[in-house]
Amino acid sequence: MPKKHEKNKFSITVCGEFFPEIYPTHRSSKWSRGEEDPLTTEMRLFCACMRWAFNRLLEGASRHEIKKSGQELFGLNSRYADDARLKAQALLDSQTELLKLENEETEEKLGRARKKLSLAMRKLAKAEEKGAASDMAGHEVTLCGRTDPHPGRTLLGTFDI
C-alpha cells in the first residue's frame, strides 16, 4: 500500500541510466578480460556457471552444493548462482521431455518401415510362387524413407533376391 504524503512535503524523481557509459564500479581483474565491460563479464560468468551447473546436475550434485560452489568459482552472488542452476535444470528437464517425444516418433517411423518391408516381402513371395523369382535373380529390394526420394538417401533396408 503506497504511503500518503503530507500536504507540506514534496517528492523528487531522479532519472538516470542503469548502465551509464562510464561504470561507477569495475569487476576485479580476476574476473574481467582486458577491456571487457562489467556487463559483458557478468554475462560471460553467468553463462559459464550455467554450463558448469548443467554438468553438476548430470553428476547428481545437490542444489546447495551447486549454489555455494558456483558462487566461489565464478564470483557471482547467491541469486545469480541459483538462477544459473535453475536455467540448467530447466534445460535438463526440457531435453528429457524431448527425448521421450523423439522415442515415440522413432517407434512410429519404425512401424511404418516394418509395414513397407512386410508388403515387399509378400510381393516377393507371390512372385516366387508364380515362378517370376528366377527372372529377378541378382536384383535387390530397397526400402527408402517416405520423404526423401533423392539419391544418397538413408536406406531402411536392402535385401538380395
Protein backbone atom coordinates (compact mmCIF):
# COMPACT_ATOMS: atom_id res chain seq x y z
CA MET A 1 0.00 0.00 0.00
CA PRO A 2 1.56 3.37 -1.01
CA LYS A 3 2.44 5.95 1.62
CA LYS A 4 0.29 9.03 1.88
CA HIS A 5 2.25 12.27 1.56
CA GLU A 6 1.68 15.15 3.87
CA LYS A 7 0.46 18.34 2.21
CA ASN A 8 3.60 20.35 3.04
CA LYS A 9 6.06 17.71 1.66
CA PHE A 10 7.09 17.22 -1.94
CA SER A 11 8.95 14.38 -3.71
CA ILE A 12 11.68 14.44 -6.35
CA THR A 13 12.21 11.79 -9.03
CA VAL A 14 15.75 11.38 -10.36
CA CYS A 15 16.13 9.75 -13.78
CA GLY A 16 19.30 8.02 -14.88
CA GLU A 17 20.75 5.12 -16.83
CA PHE A 18 21.12 1.72 -15.27
CA PHE A 19 24.39 1.17 -17.15
CA PRO A 20 25.93 4.55 -17.93
CA GLU A 21 28.84 4.74 -20.38
CA ILE A 22 31.35 5.11 -17.57
CA TYR A 23 30.68 2.49 -14.94
CA PRO A 24 30.98 3.60 -11.35
CA THR A 25 32.32 0.20 -10.33
CA HIS A 26 34.52 -2.31 -12.09
CA ARG A 27 34.88 -6.05 -11.75
CA SER A 28 38.17 -7.13 -10.25
CA SER A 29 40.89 -8.07 -12.72
CA LYS A 30 40.50 -11.68 -11.52
CA TRP A 31 37.19 -11.99 -13.43
CA SER A 32 37.39 -9.50 -16.31
CA ARG A 33 39.29 -9.98 -19.55
CA GLY A 34 41.18 -6.91 -20.70
CA GLU A 35 38.89 -4.11 -21.86
CA GLU A 36 35.73 -6.15 -21.29
CA ASP A 37 32.98 -4.08 -19.70
CA PRO A 38 31.34 -5.28 -16.45
CA LEU A 39 28.06 -6.30 -18.08
CA THR A 40 29.84 -8.50 -20.62
CA THR A 41 31.93 -10.01 -17.84
CA GLU A 42 28.81 -10.74 -15.79
CA MET A 43 27.08 -12.36 -18.77
CA ARG A 44 30.13 -14.48 -19.60
CA LEU A 45 30.45 -15.67 -16.00
CA PHE A 46 26.72 -16.39 -15.72
CA CYS A 47 26.75 -18.50 -18.90
CA ALA A 48 29.84 -20.36 -17.75
CA CYS A 49 28.18 -21.01 -14.39
CA MET A 50 25.07 -22.29 -16.15
CA ARG A 51 27.11 -24.75 -18.26
CA TRP A 52 29.00 -25.85 -15.15
CA ALA A 53 25.73 -26.29 -13.19
CA PHE A 54 24.29 -28.42 -16.00
CA ASN A 55 27.24 -30.80 -15.73
CA ARG A 56 26.95 -30.90 -11.92
CA LEU A 57 23.24 -31.74 -12.23
CA LEU A 58 24.12 -34.63 -14.52
CA GLU A 59 26.54 -35.84 -11.84
CA GLY A 60 23.76 -35.62 -9.23
CA ALA A 61 25.00 -32.69 -7.12
CA SER A 62 22.53 -31.03 -4.74
CA ARG A 63 21.08 -27.53 -5.11
CA HIS A 64 23.02 -26.23 -2.11
CA GLU A 65 26.37 -27.63 -3.36
CA ILE A 66 25.88 -26.13 -6.82
CA LYS A 67 24.88 -22.75 -5.41
CA LYS A 68 27.84 -22.46 -2.99
CA SER A 69 30.45 -23.79 -5.42
CA GLY A 70 29.08 -21.63 -8.25
CA GLN A 71 29.45 -18.52 -6.11
CA GLU A 72 33.06 -19.34 -5.28
CA LEU A 73 34.14 -20.48 -8.74
CA PHE A 74 32.55 -17.71 -10.79
CA GLY A 75 32.36 -14.80 -8.36
CA LEU A 76 28.58 -14.49 -8.71
CA ASN A 77 26.18 -13.52 -5.97
CA SER A 78 23.78 -16.05 -4.48
CA ARG A 79 20.85 -15.12 -6.71
CA TYR A 80 22.83 -15.33 -9.97
CA ALA A 81 24.34 -18.68 -8.98
CA ASP A 82 20.89 -20.04 -8.13
CA ASP A 83 19.40 -18.66 -11.36
CA ALA A 84 22.16 -20.35 -13.36
CA ARG A 85 21.28 -23.63 -11.65
CA LEU A 86 17.57 -23.10 -12.36
CA LYS A 87 18.23 -22.44 -16.05
CA ALA A 88 20.41 -25.55 -16.23
CA GLN A 89 17.65 -27.59 -14.52
CA ALA A 90 15.05 -26.26 -16.98
CA LEU A 91 17.30 -27.21 -19.89
CA LEU A 92 17.80 -30.70 -18.49
CA ASP A 93 14.04 -31.15 -17.97
CA SER A 94 13.20 -29.97 -21.50
CA GLN A 95 15.83 -32.29 -23.03
CA THR A 96 14.38 -35.23 -21.10
CA GLU A 97 10.89 -34.38 -22.36
CA LEU A 98 12.11 -34.03 -25.95
CA LEU A 99 13.89 -37.38 -25.74
CA LYS A 100 10.59 -39.08 -24.85
CA LEU A 101 8.88 -37.44 -27.83
CA GLU A 102 11.72 -38.41 -30.18
CA ASN A 103 11.48 -42.03 -28.99
CA GLU A 104 7.74 -42.08 -29.71
CA GLU A 105 8.28 -40.64 -33.20
CA THR A 106 11.02 -43.18 -33.91
CA GLU A 107 8.73 -46.03 -32.89
CA GLU A 108 6.05 -44.73 -35.30
CA LYS A 109 8.58 -44.49 -38.14
CA LEU A 110 9.86 -47.97 -37.37
CA GLY A 111 6.28 -49.30 -37.53
CA ARG A 112 5.79 -47.75 -40.96
CA ALA A 113 9.10 -49.18 -42.19
CA ARG A 114 8.18 -52.66 -40.95
CA LYS A 115 4.83 -52.40 -42.73
CA LYS A 116 6.56 -51.49 -46.01
CA LEU A 117 9.02 -54.33 -45.55
CA SER A 118 6.27 -56.91 -44.96
CA LEU A 119 4.44 -55.65 -48.07
CA ALA A 120 7.60 -56.01 -50.16
CA MET A 121 8.26 -59.47 -48.79
CA ARG A 122 4.68 -60.58 -49.58
CA LYS A 123 5.11 -59.33 -53.16
CA LEU A 124 8.34 -61.29 -53.40
CA ALA A 125 6.67 -64.44 -52.07
CA LYS A 126 3.88 -64.10 -54.69
CA ALA A 127 6.46 -63.62 -57.43
CA GLU A 128 8.29 -66.78 -56.29
CA GLU A 129 5.01 -68.75 -56.41
CA LYS A 130 4.40 -67.65 -59.98
CA GLY A 131 7.95 -68.52 -60.96
CA ALA A 132 8.95 -64.93 -61.67
CA ALA A 133 11.52 -65.02 -58.88
CA SER A 134 14.06 -66.73 -61.17
CA ASP A 135 13.81 -63.74 -63.55
CA MET A 136 14.55 -61.41 -60.64
CA ALA A 137 17.75 -63.17 -59.59
CA GLY A 138 20.55 -60.70 -58.92
CA HIS A 139 18.13 -57.84 -58.20
CA GLU A 140 17.59 -56.36 -54.80
CA VAL A 141 14.65 -54.81 -52.97
CA THR A 142 15.40 -51.41 -51.46
CA LEU A 143 13.19 -49.69 -48.91
CA CYS A 144 13.59 -45.93 -48.58
CA GLY A 145 12.10 -43.34 -46.30
CA ARG A 146 8.86 -41.70 -47.37
CA THR A 147 10.02 -38.07 -47.62
CA ASP A 148 13.49 -38.36 -49.22
CA PRO A 149 13.27 -39.52 -52.85
CA HIS A 150 16.77 -38.29 -53.77
CA PRO A 151 19.88 -40.43 -54.34
CA GLY A 152 22.17 -40.70 -51.36
CA ARG A 153 19.21 -41.25 -49.09
CA THR A 154 19.25 -43.26 -45.91
CA LEU A 155 18.14 -46.81 -46.64
CA LEU A 156 15.78 -48.59 -44.32
CA GLY A 157 16.94 -51.97 -45.66
CA THR A 158 18.37 -53.74 -48.71
CA PHE A 159 17.66 -57.39 -49.41
CA ASP A 160 19.08 -59.61 -52.14
CA ILE A 161 16.53 -61.52 -54.15
